[in-house]
N, C-alpha and C. Protein backbone atom coordinates (compact mmCIF):
# COMPACT_ATOMS: atom_id res chain seq x y z
N MET A 1 -69.22 -130.73 106.19
CA MET A 1 -68.59 -130.59 104.77
C MET A 1 -69.81 -130.76 103.05
N GLN A 2 -69.72 -130.29 102.67
CA GLN A 2 -71.10 -130.06 101.04
C GLN A 2 -70.80 -131.51 100.26
N SER A 3 -71.63 -132.21 99.96
CA SER A 3 -72.03 -133.55 99.18
C SER A 3 -70.88 -133.82 98.77
N ALA A 4 -70.51 -132.94 97.85
CA ALA A 4 -69.63 -133.39 96.68
C ALA A 4 -68.55 -133.36 96.62
N ALA A 5 -68.13 -132.82 97.57
CA ALA A 5 -67.00 -132.83 98.51
C ALA A 5 -66.25 -134.39 99.13
N ALA A 6 -67.70 -134.62 99.59
CA ALA A 6 -67.11 -135.75 100.49
C ALA A 6 -67.72 -137.13 99.45
N ASP A 7 -68.37 -137.21 98.29
CA ASP A 7 -68.47 -137.52 97.21
C ASP A 7 -67.04 -138.13 96.52
N GLU A 8 -66.58 -137.00 96.54
CA GLU A 8 -65.05 -136.63 95.36
C GLU A 8 -63.92 -137.37 96.71
N GLU A 9 -63.80 -136.91 98.13
CA GLU A 9 -62.83 -137.46 98.34
C GLU A 9 -62.89 -139.22 99.42
N GLU A 10 -64.47 -139.35 99.24
CA GLU A 10 -64.55 -140.72 99.52
C GLU A 10 -64.32 -141.85 97.97
N TYR A 11 -64.79 -141.32 96.77
CA TYR A 11 -64.65 -141.83 95.14
C TYR A 11 -65.59 -142.36 94.89
N SER A 12 -67.02 -142.23 96.05
CA SER A 12 -68.00 -142.59 95.75
C SER A 12 -69.17 -142.00 95.40
N PRO A 13 -70.44 -142.00 95.15
CA PRO A 13 -71.84 -140.52 95.45
C PRO A 13 -72.46 -141.63 96.50
N PHE A 14 -71.48 -142.54 97.24
CA PHE A 14 -72.37 -142.90 98.79
C PHE A 14 -71.75 -142.46 99.57
N GLY A 15 -70.39 -141.73 99.55
CA GLY A 15 -69.67 -140.95 100.53
C GLY A 15 -70.53 -140.23 100.93
N SER A 16 -71.12 -139.13 100.84
CA SER A 16 -72.36 -138.06 101.37
C SER A 16 -73.33 -139.08 102.51
N MET A 17 -73.81 -139.76 101.31
CA MET A 17 -74.82 -140.69 101.69
C MET A 17 -74.75 -141.34 103.64
N ILE A 18 -73.45 -142.15 103.04
CA ILE A 18 -73.15 -143.14 104.60
C ILE A 18 -72.33 -141.86 105.65
N ARG A 19 -71.98 -141.22 104.98
CA ARG A 19 -71.79 -139.78 106.12
C ARG A 19 -72.75 -138.85 107.25
N PHE A 20 -73.68 -138.84 106.27
CA PHE A 20 -75.33 -138.61 106.96
C PHE A 20 -76.07 -139.94 107.41
N VAL A 21 -75.93 -141.09 107.32
CA VAL A 21 -76.40 -142.17 107.80
C VAL A 21 -75.83 -141.94 109.24
N ASN A 22 -74.53 -142.36 109.08
CA ASN A 22 -73.96 -141.93 110.41
C ASN A 22 -74.32 -141.31 111.52
N LYS A 23 -74.15 -139.81 111.28
CA LYS A 23 -74.30 -138.90 111.78
C LYS A 23 -75.91 -139.30 112.65
N VAL A 24 -76.97 -139.52 111.52
CA VAL A 24 -77.73 -139.95 112.34
C VAL A 24 -78.22 -141.14 113.48
N SER A 25 -77.26 -141.79 113.04
CA SER A 25 -77.19 -143.03 113.73
C SER A 25 -76.68 -142.55 115.70
N GLU A 26 -75.26 -141.84 115.08
CA GLU A 26 -74.74 -141.73 116.04
C GLU A 26 -75.85 -140.77 117.40
N HIS A 27 -76.45 -139.76 117.00
CA HIS A 27 -77.36 -138.74 117.61
C HIS A 27 -78.31 -139.68 117.68
N PHE A 28 -78.59 -140.65 117.65
CA PHE A 28 -79.62 -142.02 118.67
C PHE A 28 -79.22 -142.96 119.72
N GLU A 29 -77.76 -143.40 119.12
CA GLU A 29 -77.16 -144.49 119.95
C GLU A 29 -77.66 -144.08 121.10
N LYS A 30 -77.12 -142.77 122.21
CA LYS A 30 -77.00 -142.92 123.45
C LYS A 30 -78.41 -143.38 123.88
N ASP A 31 -79.64 -142.63 123.69
CA ASP A 31 -81.08 -142.86 123.59
C ASP A 31 -81.47 -144.50 123.49
N TYR A 32 -81.16 -144.32 122.19
CA TYR A 32 -81.73 -146.11 121.92
C TYR A 32 -80.47 -146.61 121.64
N PRO A 33 -80.14 -148.04 122.24
CA PRO A 33 -78.81 -148.19 122.14
C PRO A 33 -79.11 -149.76 121.30
N ASN A 34 -80.30 -150.44 120.82
CA ASN A 34 -80.22 -151.43 120.35
C ASN A 34 -80.80 -150.76 118.97
N LEU A 35 -81.34 -149.53 118.67
CA LEU A 35 -81.84 -149.31 117.51
C LEU A 35 -80.96 -149.89 116.28
N MET A 36 -81.51 -149.98 115.01
CA MET A 36 -80.09 -149.96 113.66
C MET A 36 -80.92 -149.30 113.23
N ILE A 37 -80.42 -148.35 112.33
CA ILE A 37 -80.08 -147.33 111.48
C ILE A 37 -80.38 -148.13 109.84
N HIS A 38 -81.24 -148.00 109.32
CA HIS A 38 -81.35 -149.32 107.91
C HIS A 38 -81.31 -147.83 106.53
N THR A 39 -80.75 -148.14 105.63
CA THR A 39 -80.37 -147.65 104.45
C THR A 39 -80.43 -148.27 103.24
N PHE A 40 -80.23 -147.93 102.20
CA PHE A 40 -80.51 -148.43 100.86
C PHE A 40 -79.19 -148.17 99.97
N ALA A 41 -79.25 -149.41 99.30
CA ALA A 41 -77.48 -148.77 98.36
C ALA A 41 -78.37 -148.79 96.95
N TYR A 42 -78.60 -148.14 95.76
CA TYR A 42 -79.28 -148.26 94.86
C TYR A 42 -77.99 -148.28 93.81
N GLN A 43 -78.28 -148.67 92.72
CA GLN A 43 -77.58 -148.46 91.64
C GLN A 43 -76.32 -147.37 92.03
N TYR A 44 -76.81 -145.90 91.32
CA TYR A 44 -76.41 -145.42 91.43
C TYR A 44 -74.91 -145.18 92.86
N ILE A 45 -75.54 -145.53 93.86
CA ILE A 45 -74.49 -145.51 94.88
C ILE A 45 -74.30 -146.59 95.69
N ARG A 46 -73.94 -147.54 94.36
CA ARG A 46 -73.74 -148.87 95.20
C ARG A 46 -72.39 -148.74 95.64
N LYS A 47 -70.93 -148.22 95.03
CA LYS A 47 -69.60 -148.26 94.80
C LYS A 47 -69.56 -148.09 96.79
N PRO A 48 -68.81 -148.57 97.26
CA PRO A 48 -68.38 -148.47 98.64
C PRO A 48 -67.70 -147.09 98.53
N PRO A 49 -67.81 -146.46 99.83
CA PRO A 49 -67.21 -145.27 99.83
C PRO A 49 -65.26 -145.77 100.30
N GLU A 50 -64.52 -145.29 99.69
CA GLU A 50 -62.94 -145.24 100.29
C GLU A 50 -62.90 -145.72 101.92
N GLN A 51 -63.49 -144.39 102.14
CA GLN A 51 -62.68 -144.17 103.63
C GLN A 51 -63.89 -144.44 104.91
N THR A 52 -64.89 -143.79 104.85
CA THR A 52 -65.82 -144.14 105.95
C THR A 52 -66.52 -145.25 106.04
N LYS A 53 -66.77 -145.66 106.84
CA LYS A 53 -67.87 -146.88 106.83
C LYS A 53 -68.87 -147.05 107.68
N PRO A 54 -69.42 -148.21 107.39
CA PRO A 54 -71.20 -147.79 108.44
C PRO A 54 -70.86 -148.18 109.86
N ARG A 55 -71.31 -147.54 110.63
CA ARG A 55 -71.26 -147.37 111.95
C ARG A 55 -71.58 -148.85 112.93
N ASP A 56 -71.80 -149.39 113.53
CA ASP A 56 -71.92 -150.58 114.16
C ASP A 56 -73.26 -150.64 114.18
N ASN A 57 -74.13 -149.60 114.47
CA ASN A 57 -75.63 -149.15 114.15
C ASN A 57 -76.29 -149.36 113.15
N VAL A 58 -75.54 -149.54 111.59
CA VAL A 58 -76.30 -148.89 110.60
C VAL A 58 -76.07 -149.99 109.95
N VAL A 59 -77.28 -150.12 108.97
CA VAL A 59 -77.07 -151.58 108.47
C VAL A 59 -77.33 -151.05 106.47
N VAL A 60 -76.41 -151.77 105.83
CA VAL A 60 -76.92 -151.11 104.95
C VAL A 60 -77.26 -151.59 103.37
N GLN A 61 -78.21 -152.00 103.57
CA GLN A 61 -79.16 -152.83 101.84
C GLN A 61 -78.90 -152.44 100.28
N ILE A 62 -78.15 -153.50 100.02
CA ILE A 62 -77.85 -153.06 98.46
C ILE A 62 -78.95 -153.76 97.65
N CYS A 63 -79.20 -153.17 96.51
CA CYS A 63 -80.88 -152.97 96.32
C CYS A 63 -80.19 -153.54 94.53
N SER A 64 -80.04 -154.66 94.22
CA SER A 64 -80.11 -154.88 92.87
C SER A 64 -81.39 -154.63 91.93
N ILE A 65 -81.34 -154.11 90.82
CA ILE A 65 -82.65 -153.56 89.92
C ILE A 65 -82.35 -154.22 88.49
N GLU A 66 -80.88 -154.50 87.84
CA GLU A 66 -80.85 -155.67 86.69
C GLU A 66 -81.46 -156.50 86.78
């Protein structure tokens, strides 16, 4: 799915980002079960997606710059 379509479906620009990060975390999960994948949510992508949630091995850090 393309980024714009994912963002539209999720009602958030973070939709495509969290889907990408989830795929990365899924790739490493079997070989590295204790690995946590970390990503940032800056001002532009702070609104959480409507459907996709971070996997258990994904950490989203909110970055407030106000």
